[in-house]
Amino acid sequence: MALFEAVRWTFRGLVAGTCRPTVVGLENVPKEGPFIVAPNHLSFFDSVIVQALMPRPVAFFAKAEYFTTGGVKGRVMKSFFESVGSIPVERGEQAASVQALKTLLDILEAGKGIGIYPEGTRSRDGILYRGRTGVGWLALATGAPVIPVGLIGTENLQPAGEKGFKPHHFTMKVGEPLYFDKTGPDHSLPARRQVTDRIMDAIAELSGQERSSSYNQSKSTD
């Protein structure tokens, strides 16, 4: 736990010192019990930002290649993701993604916080895409409150198609918790869709993004 907090504080200080972000709404994160953080997704660094700035630990599942990238950045990112309990998932392997979702369920049932991007992959054009229903499944399966998050300007930290970290001001808006009745893991797809759409509405209000009714498609460079 000491190492975990040391890593979080180190990254928090780095982000605050280099980017001087505007962060509002941290009081909306429950002080105890399980919670689901649901941000929009604009940058490779979004998970780092959320995990570093949130008042409680947040475990995301991340692409497996984030744990195997070479070089100094790769080693730093691997150390961070491992320290905060992120879960590697192989790109494009449905079975692996399902298992990761079940792992997030286990974390929630242990009373901890997890993060999931409803869009699935980052938006390369700044548009907020239709949410995939994994977040709705988790919310209904556990009854954990969903904390919508709007990230604004994080795409400037690493513009699409470029490498490296470019310090730049950004804003993180943490919305009020959304509560849904706990129905357990067995519920209908329409129920998951309704919950997911409500979460996406809250994210859109926080981020101010233009929206699309289509799903975002992953690209090999994400």
C-alpha atoms as a PDB file:
ATOM      1  CA  MET A   1       0.000   0.000   0.000  1.00  0.00           C
ATOM      2  CA  ALA A   2       2.868   2.392   0.779  1.00  0.00           C
ATOM      3  CA  LEU A   3       4.382   1.864  -2.682  1.00  0.00           C
ATOM      4  CA  PHE A   4       0.941   2.262  -4.274  1.00  0.00           C
ATOM      5  CA  GLU A   5       0.350   5.632  -2.598  1.00  0.00           C
ATOM      6  CA  ALA A   6       3.901   6.761  -3.334  1.00  0.00           C
ATOM      7  CA  VAL A   7       3.400   6.102  -7.040  1.00  0.00           C
ATOM      8  CA  ARG A   8       0.054   7.889  -7.060  1.00  0.00           C
ATOM      9  CA  TRP A   9       1.445  10.918  -5.248  1.00  0.00           C
ATOM     10  CA  THR A  10       4.445  11.050  -7.584  1.00  0.00           C
ATOM     11  CA  PHE A  11       2.254  11.087 -10.682  1.00  0.00           C
ATOM     12  CA  ARG A  12      -0.174  13.512  -9.071  1.00  0.00           C
ATOM     13  CA  GLY A  13       2.684  15.923  -8.398  1.00  0.00           C
ATOM     14  CA  LEU A  14       4.022  15.489 -11.927  1.00  0.00           C
ATOM     15  CA  VAL A  15       0.643  16.155 -13.531  1.00  0.00           C
ATOM     16  CA  ALA A  16      -0.117  19.116 -11.257  1.00  0.00           C
ATOM     17  CA  GLY A  17       3.309  20.653 -11.707  1.00  0.00           C
ATOM     18  CA  THR A  18       3.578  20.335 -15.468  1.00  0.00           C
ATOM     19  CA  CYS A  19      -0.037  20.787 -16.596  1.00  0.00           C
ATOM     20  CA  ARG A  20      -1.644  22.828 -13.806  1.00  0.00           C
ATOM     21  CA  PRO A  21      -5.031  21.220 -14.461  1.00  0.00           C
ATOM     22  CA  THR A  22      -8.421  22.508 -13.427  1.00  0.00           C
ATOM     23  CA  VAL A  23     -10.089  19.785 -11.363  1.00  0.00           C
ATOM     24  CA  VAL A  24     -13.625  20.132 -10.030  1.00  0.00           C
ATOM     25  CA  GLY A  25     -16.068  17.817  -8.305  1.00  0.00           C
ATOM     26  CA  LEU A  26     -13.738  15.485  -6.392  1.00  0.00           C
ATOM     27  CA  GLU A  27     -16.183  15.683  -3.493  1.00  0.00           C
ATOM     28  CA  ASN A  28     -18.561  13.584  -5.619  1.00  0.00           C
ATOM     29  CA  VAL A  29     -16.385  10.489  -5.186  1.00  0.00           C
ATOM     30  CA  PRO A  30     -17.780   8.328  -2.356  1.00  0.00           C
ATOM     31  CA  LYS A  31     -15.503   8.179   0.666  1.00  0.00           C
ATOM     32  CA  GLU A  32     -16.121   4.456   1.052  1.00  0.00           C
ATOM     33  CA  GLY A  33     -17.670   1.514  -0.748  1.00  0.00           C
ATOM     34  CA  PRO A  34     -17.529   0.509  -4.426  1.00  0.00           C
ATOM     35  CA  PHE A  35     -17.780   3.040  -7.238  1.00  0.00           C
ATOM     36  CA  ILE A  36     -17.432   3.105 -11.018  1.00  0.00           C
ATOM     37  CA  VAL A  37     -15.627   5.973 -12.731  1.00  0.00           C
ATOM     38  CA  ALA A  38     -16.824   6.492 -16.326  1.00  0.00           C
ATOM     39  CA  PRO A  39     -14.797   9.094 -18.276  1.00  0.00           C
ATOM     40  CA  ASN A  40     -14.753  10.139 -21.897  1.00  0.00           C
ATOM     41  CA  HIS A  41     -11.534   9.112 -23.623  1.00  0.00           C
ATOM     42  CA  LEU A  42      -9.329  11.512 -25.596  1.00  0.00           C
ATOM     43  CA  SER A  43      -5.740  10.577 -24.778  1.00  0.00           C
ATOM     44  CA  PHE A  44      -3.370   7.720 -23.999  1.00  0.00           C
ATOM     45  CA  PHE A  45      -2.761   9.510 -20.687  1.00  0.00           C
ATOM     46  CA  ASP A  46      -6.395   9.652 -19.535  1.00  0.00           C
ATOM     47  CA  SER A  47      -6.080   6.645 -17.231  1.00  0.00           C
ATOM     48  CA  VAL A  48      -2.929   8.069 -15.659  1.00  0.00           C
ATOM     49  CA  ILE A  49      -4.687  11.370 -15.057  1.00  0.00           C
ATOM     50  CA  VAL A  50      -7.788   9.849 -13.499  1.00  0.00           C
ATOM     51  CA  GLN A  51      -5.840   7.390 -11.372  1.00  0.00           C
ATOM     52  CA  ALA A  52      -3.452  10.083 -10.171  1.00  0.00           C
ATOM     53  CA  LEU A  53      -5.982  12.818  -9.408  1.00  0.00           C
ATOM     54  CA  MET A  54      -8.875  10.875  -7.890  1.00  0.00           C
ATOM     55  CA  PRO A  55      -9.034  10.933  -4.059  1.00  0.00           C
ATOM     56  CA  ARG A  56      -9.388   7.126  -3.987  1.00  0.00           C
ATOM     57  CA  PRO A  57      -7.664   4.430  -6.033  1.00  0.00           C
ATOM     58  CA  VAL A  58      -9.277   3.590  -9.379  1.00  0.00           C
ATOM     59  CA  ALA A  59      -8.396   0.366 -11.231  1.00  0.00           C
ATOM     60  CA  PHE A  60      -8.779   0.427 -15.015  1.00  0.00           C
ATOM     61  CA  PHE A  61      -8.295  -2.430 -17.411  1.00  0.00           C
ATOM     62  CA  ALA A  62      -5.784  -1.489 -20.081  1.00  0.00           C
ATOM     63  CA  LYS A  63      -4.466  -2.860 -23.349  1.00  0.00           C
ATOM     64  CA  ALA A  64      -1.796  -5.483 -22.746  1.00  0.00           C
ATOM     65  CA  GLU A  65       0.702  -3.618 -24.913  1.00  0.00           C
ATOM     66  CA  TYR A  66       0.725  -0.794 -22.354  1.00  0.00           C
ATOM     67  CA  PHE A  67       2.540  -3.256 -20.101  1.00  0.00           C
ATOM     68  CA  THR A  68       5.062  -4.358 -22.729  1.00  0.00           C
ATOM     69  CA  THR A  69       6.066  -1.107 -24.457  1.00  0.00           C
ATOM     70  CA  GLY A  70       9.812  -0.607 -24.546  1.00  0.00           C
ATOM     71  CA  GLY A  71      11.904   2.387 -23.572  1.00  0.00           C
ATOM     72  CA  VAL A  72      11.783   4.727 -20.614  1.00  0.00           C
ATOM     73  CA  LYS A  73       8.133   5.676 -21.151  1.00  0.00           C
ATOM     74  CA  GLY A  74       7.184   2.019 -21.369  1.00  0.00           C
ATOM     75  CA  ARG A  75       8.901   1.176 -18.099  1.00  0.00           C
ATOM     76  CA  VAL A  76       7.342   4.135 -16.327  1.00  0.00           C
ATOM     77  CA  MET A  77       3.856   3.347 -17.610  1.00  0.00           C
ATOM     78  CA  LYS A  78       4.188  -0.346 -16.772  1.00  0.00           C
ATOM     79  CA  SER A  79       5.258   0.554 -13.232  1.00  0.00           C
ATOM     80  CA  PHE A  80       2.327   2.921 -12.828  1.00  0.00           C
ATOM     81  CA  PHE A  81      -0.342   0.601 -14.243  1.00  0.00           C
ATOM     82  CA  GLU A  82       0.878  -2.311 -12.146  1.00  0.00           C
ATOM     83  CA  SER A  83       1.045  -0.182  -9.002  1.00  0.00           C
ATOM     84  CA  VAL A  84      -2.554   1.000  -9.326  1.00  0.00           C
ATOM     85  CA  GLY A  85      -3.892  -2.462 -10.082  1.00  0.00           C
ATOM     86  CA  SER A  86      -4.713  -2.038 -13.779  1.00  0.00           C
ATOM     87  CA  ILE A  87      -5.713  -5.209 -15.603  1.00  0.00           C
ATOM     88  CA  PRO A  88      -4.051  -6.057 -18.946  1.00  0.00           C
ATOM     89  CA  VAL A  89      -6.374  -7.116 -21.765  1.00  0.00           C
ATOM     90  CA  GLU A  90      -5.287  -8.457 -25.150  1.00  0.00           C
ATOM     91  CA  ARG A  91      -6.563  -6.311 -28.018  1.00  0.00           C
ATOM     92  CA  GLY A  92      -9.411  -7.877 -29.949  1.00  0.00           C
ATOM     93  CA  GLU A  93      -9.760 -11.003 -27.826  1.00  0.00           C
ATOM     94  CA  GLN A  94     -13.409 -11.146 -26.779  1.00  0.00           C
ATOM     95  CA  ALA A  95     -12.844 -13.859 -24.185  1.00  0.00           C
ATOM     96  CA  ALA A  96     -10.096 -11.811 -22.560  1.00  0.00           C
ATOM     97  CA  SER A  97     -12.337  -8.733 -22.442  1.00  0.00           C
ATOM     98  CA  VAL A  98     -15.151 -10.695 -20.818  1.00  0.00           C
ATOM     99  CA  GLN A  99     -12.741 -12.025 -18.208  1.00  0.00           C
ATOM    100  CA  ALA A 100     -11.487  -8.491 -17.546  1.00  0.00           C
ATOM    101  CA  LEU A 101     -15.064  -7.330 -16.982  1.00  0.00           C
ATOM    102  CA  LYS A 102     -15.546 -10.107 -14.451  1.00  0.00           C
ATOM    103  CA  THR A 103     -12.302  -9.034 -12.767  1.00  0.00           C
ATOM    104  CA  LEU A 104     -13.662  -5.495 -12.449  1.00  0.00           C
ATOM    105  CA  LEU A 105     -16.800  -6.991 -10.931  1.00  0.00           C
ATOM    106  CA  ASP A 106     -14.663  -8.743  -8.304  1.00  0.00           C
ATOM    107  CA  ILE A 107     -12.939  -5.442  -7.453  1.00  0.00           C
ATOM    108  CA  LEU A 108     -16.286  -3.701  -7.010  1.00  0.00           C
ATOM    109  CA  GLU A 109     -17.611  -6.502  -4.820  1.00  0.00           C
ATOM    110  CA  ALA A 110     -14.531  -5.987  -2.636  1.00  0.00           C
ATOM    111  CA  GLY A 111     -15.695  -2.393  -2.038  1.00  0.00           C
ATOM    112  CA  LYS A 112     -13.125  -0.678  -4.255  1.00  0.00           C
ATOM    113  CA  GLY A 113     -13.206   1.673  -7.228  1.00  0.00           C
ATOM    114  CA  ILE A 114     -12.818   0.838 -10.901  1.00  0.00           C
ATOM    115  CA  GLY A 115     -12.682   2.878 -14.085  1.00  0.00           C
ATOM    116  CA  ILE A 116     -14.104   1.996 -17.493  1.00  0.00           C
ATOM    117  CA  TYR A 117     -14.332   3.976 -20.725  1.00  0.00           C
ATOM    118  CA  PRO A 118     -17.854   3.527 -22.108  1.00  0.00           C
ATOM    119  CA  GLU A 119     -16.622   4.484 -25.598  1.00  0.00           C
ATOM    120  CA  GLY A 120     -14.200   1.561 -25.504  1.00  0.00           C
ATOM    121  CA  THR A 121     -11.303   3.291 -27.232  1.00  0.00           C
ATOM    122  CA  ARG A 122     -10.137   6.869 -27.398  1.00  0.00           C
ATOM    123  CA  SER A 123     -11.763   9.396 -29.688  1.00  0.00           C
ATOM    124  CA  ARG A 124      -9.301  10.619 -32.294  1.00  0.00           C
ATOM    125  CA  ASP A 125     -11.554  13.410 -33.585  1.00  0.00           C
ATOM    126  CA  GLY A 126     -12.888  14.812 -30.293  1.00  0.00           C
ATOM    127  CA  ILE A 127     -16.400  13.414 -30.791  1.00  0.00           C
ATOM    128  CA  LEU A 128     -18.138  11.571 -27.954  1.00  0.00           C
ATOM    129  CA  TYR A 129     -19.188   8.208 -29.368  1.00  0.00           C
ATOM    130  CA  ARG A 130     -21.985   5.858 -28.364  1.00  0.00           C
ATOM    131  CA  GLY A 131     -21.319   4.026 -25.108  1.00  0.00           C
ATOM    132  CA  ARG A 132     -20.811   0.282 -25.039  1.00  0.00           C
ATOM    133  CA  THR A 133     -22.924  -1.480 -22.458  1.00  0.00           C
ATOM    134  CA  GLY A 134     -20.207  -2.976 -20.246  1.00  0.00           C
ATOM    135  CA  VAL A 135     -20.520  -0.035 -17.884  1.00  0.00           C
ATOM    136  CA  GLY A 136     -24.278  -0.586 -17.683  1.00  0.00           C
ATOM    137  CA  TRP A 137     -23.742  -4.268 -16.925  1.00  0.00           C
ATOM    138  CA  LEU A 138     -21.360  -3.430 -14.067  1.00  0.00           C
ATOM    139  CA  ALA A 139     -23.721  -0.795 -12.633  1.00  0.00           C
ATOM    140  CA  LEU A 140     -26.725  -3.101 -12.631  1.00  0.00           C
ATOM    141  CA  ALA A 141     -24.789  -6.167 -11.482  1.00  0.00           C
ATOM    142  CA  THR A 142     -23.380  -4.418  -8.409  1.00  0.00           C
ATOM    143  CA  GLY A 143     -25.542  -1.380  -7.661  1.00  0.00           C
ATOM    144  CA  ALA A 144     -22.311   0.632  -7.335  1.00  0.00           C
ATOM    145  CA  PRO A 145     -22.698   4.363  -8.043  1.00  0.00           C
ATOM    146  CA  VAL A 146     -21.351   5.549 -11.378  1.00  0.00           C
ATOM    147  CA  ILE A 147     -19.215   8.708 -11.323  1.00  0.00           C
ATOM    148  CA  PRO A 148     -19.282  10.381 -14.766  1.00  0.00           C
ATOM    149  CA  VAL A 149     -16.128  12.287 -15.673  1.00  0.00           C
ATOM    150  CA  GLY A 150     -15.593  14.856 -18.400  1.00  0.00           C
ATOM    151  CA  LEU A 151     -12.003  15.296 -19.580  1.00  0.00           C
ATOM    152  CA  ILE A 152     -11.360  18.426 -21.618  1.00  0.00           C
ATOM    153  CA  GLY A 153      -8.096  19.117 -23.419  1.00  0.00           C
ATOM    154  CA  THR A 154      -6.244  15.897 -22.577  1.00  0.00           C
ATOM    155  CA  GLU A 155      -5.829  15.168 -26.285  1.00  0.00           C
ATOM    156  CA  ASN A 156      -3.179  17.920 -26.279  1.00  0.00           C
ATOM    157  CA  LEU A 157      -0.975  15.857 -23.964  1.00  0.00           C
ATOM    158  CA  GLN A 158      -0.295  13.453 -26.805  1.00  0.00           C
ATOM    159  CA  PRO A 159      -1.985  14.425 -30.072  1.00  0.00           C
ATOM    160  CA  ALA A 160      -3.189  11.491 -32.171  1.00  0.00           C
ATOM    161  CA  GLY A 161      -0.380  10.080 -34.290  1.00  0.00           C
ATOM    162  CA  GLU A 162       2.372  11.611 -32.157  1.00  0.00           C
ATOM    163  CA  LYS A 163       4.553  10.199 -29.404  1.00  0.00           C
ATOM    164  CA  GLY A 164       5.728  11.514 -26.065  1.00  0.00           C
ATOM    165  CA  PHE A 165       4.157  13.706 -23.406  1.00  0.00           C
ATOM    166  CA  LYS A 166       3.491  17.394 -24.032  1.00  0.00           C
ATOM    167  CA  PRO A 167       2.570  19.342 -20.877  1.00  0.00           C
ATOM    168  CA  HIS A 168      -0.659  21.241 -21.462  1.00  0.00           C
ATOM    169  CA  HIS A 169      -3.474  22.579 -19.320  1.00  0.00           C
ATOM    170  CA  PHE A 170      -6.552  20.375 -19.176  1.00  0.00           C
ATOM    171  CA  THR A 171      -9.769  20.166 -17.164  1.00  0.00           C
ATOM    172  CA  MET A 172     -11.245  17.204 -15.302  1.00  0.00           C
ATOM    173  CA  LYS A 173     -14.884  17.556 -14.244  1.00  0.00           C
ATOM    174  CA  VAL A 174     -16.212  14.930 -11.846  1.00  0.00           C
ATOM    175  CA  GLY A 175     -19.987  14.695 -11.897  1.00  0.00           C
ATOM    176  CA  GLU A 176     -22.481  13.717  -9.240  1.00  0.00           C
ATOM    177  CA  PRO A 177     -22.944   9.977  -8.681  1.00  0.00           C
ATOM    178  CA  LEU A 178     -25.572   8.157 -10.719  1.00  0.00           C
ATOM    179  CA  TYR A 179     -27.411   5.408  -8.850  1.00  0.00           C
ATOM    180  CA  PHE A 180     -29.119   2.414 -10.413  1.00  0.00           C
ATOM    181  CA  ASP A 181     -31.039  -0.428  -8.801  1.00  0.00           C
ATOM    182  CA  LYS A 182     -28.987  -3.570  -8.285  1.00  0.00           C
ATOM    183  CA  THR A 183     -30.471  -6.353 -10.381  1.00  0.00           C
ATOM    184  CA  GLY A 184     -27.526  -8.766 -10.344  1.00  0.00           C
ATOM    185  CA  PRO A 185     -25.601  -9.993 -13.405  1.00  0.00           C
ATOM    186  CA  ASP A 186     -28.689 -11.366 -15.150  1.00  0.00           C
ATOM    187  CA  HIS A 187     -30.597  -8.507 -16.738  1.00  0.00           C
ATOM    188  CA  SER A 188     -31.761  -7.534 -20.202  1.00  0.00           C
ATOM    189  CA  LEU A 189     -29.759  -5.798 -22.898  1.00  0.00           C
ATOM    190  CA  PRO A 190     -32.361  -2.989 -23.077  1.00  0.00           C
ATOM    191  CA  ALA A 191     -31.794  -2.343 -19.369  1.00  0.00           C
ATOM    192  CA  ARG A 192     -28.023  -2.126 -19.904  1.00  0.00           C
ATOM    193  CA  ARG A 193     -28.535   0.174 -22.872  1.00  0.00           C
ATOM    194  CA  GLN A 194     -30.818   2.495 -20.917  1.00  0.00           C
ATOM    195  CA  VAL A 195     -28.309   2.783 -18.075  1.00  0.00           C
ATOM    196  CA  THR A 196     -25.402   3.294 -20.472  1.00  0.00           C
ATOM    197  CA  ASP A 197     -27.218   6.022 -22.381  1.00  0.00           C
ATOM    198  CA  ARG A 198     -27.952   7.875 -19.154  1.00  0.00           C
ATOM    199  CA  ILE A 199     -24.269   7.688 -18.218  1.00  0.00           C
ATOM    200  CA  MET A 200     -23.253   9.005 -21.648  1.00  0.00           C
ATOM    201  CA  ASP A 201     -25.688  11.909 -21.278  1.00  0.00           C
ATOM    202  CA  ALA A 202     -23.972  12.860 -18.021  1.00  0.00           C
ATOM    203  CA  ILE A 203     -20.507  12.599 -19.584  1.00  0.00           C
ATOM    204  CA  ALA A 204     -21.609  14.761 -22.514  1.00  0.00           C
ATOM    205  CA  GLU A 205     -22.922  17.435 -20.165  1.00  0.00           C
ATOM    206  CA  LEU A 206     -19.561  17.534 -18.373  1.00  0.00           C
ATOM    207  CA  SER A 207     -17.303  17.407 -21.437  1.00  0.00           C
ATOM    208  CA  GLY A 208     -19.359  19.548 -23.835  1.00  0.00           C
ATOM    209  CA  GLN A 209     -18.424  17.298 -26.755  1.00  0.00           C
ATOM    210  CA  GLU A 210     -20.278  16.849 -30.003  1.00  0.00           C
ATOM    211  CA  ARG A 211     -21.905  13.411 -29.972  1.00  0.00           C
ATOM    212  CA  SER A 212     -22.226  10.543 -32.403  1.00  0.00           C
ATOM    213  CA  SER A 213     -24.832   7.781 -32.439  1.00  0.00           C
ATOM    214  CA  SER A 214     -22.195   5.374 -33.789  1.00  0.00           C
ATOM    215  CA  TYR A 215     -19.630   3.297 -31.917  1.00  0.00           C
ATOM    216  CA  ASN A 216     -16.001   4.344 -32.037  1.00  0.00           C
ATOM    217  CA  GLN A 217     -13.713   1.927 -33.858  1.00  0.00           C
ATOM    218  CA  SER A 218     -10.338   0.924 -32.451  1.00  0.00           C
ATOM    219  CA  LYS A 219      -7.221   1.608 -34.514  1.00  0.00           C
ATOM    220  CA  SER A 220      -3.894  -0.136 -34.240  1.00  0.00           C
ATOM    221  CA  THR A 221      -2.120   2.963 -32.949  1.00  0.00           C
ATOM    222  CA  ASP A 222      -4.491   3.545 -30.009  1.00  0.00           C
END
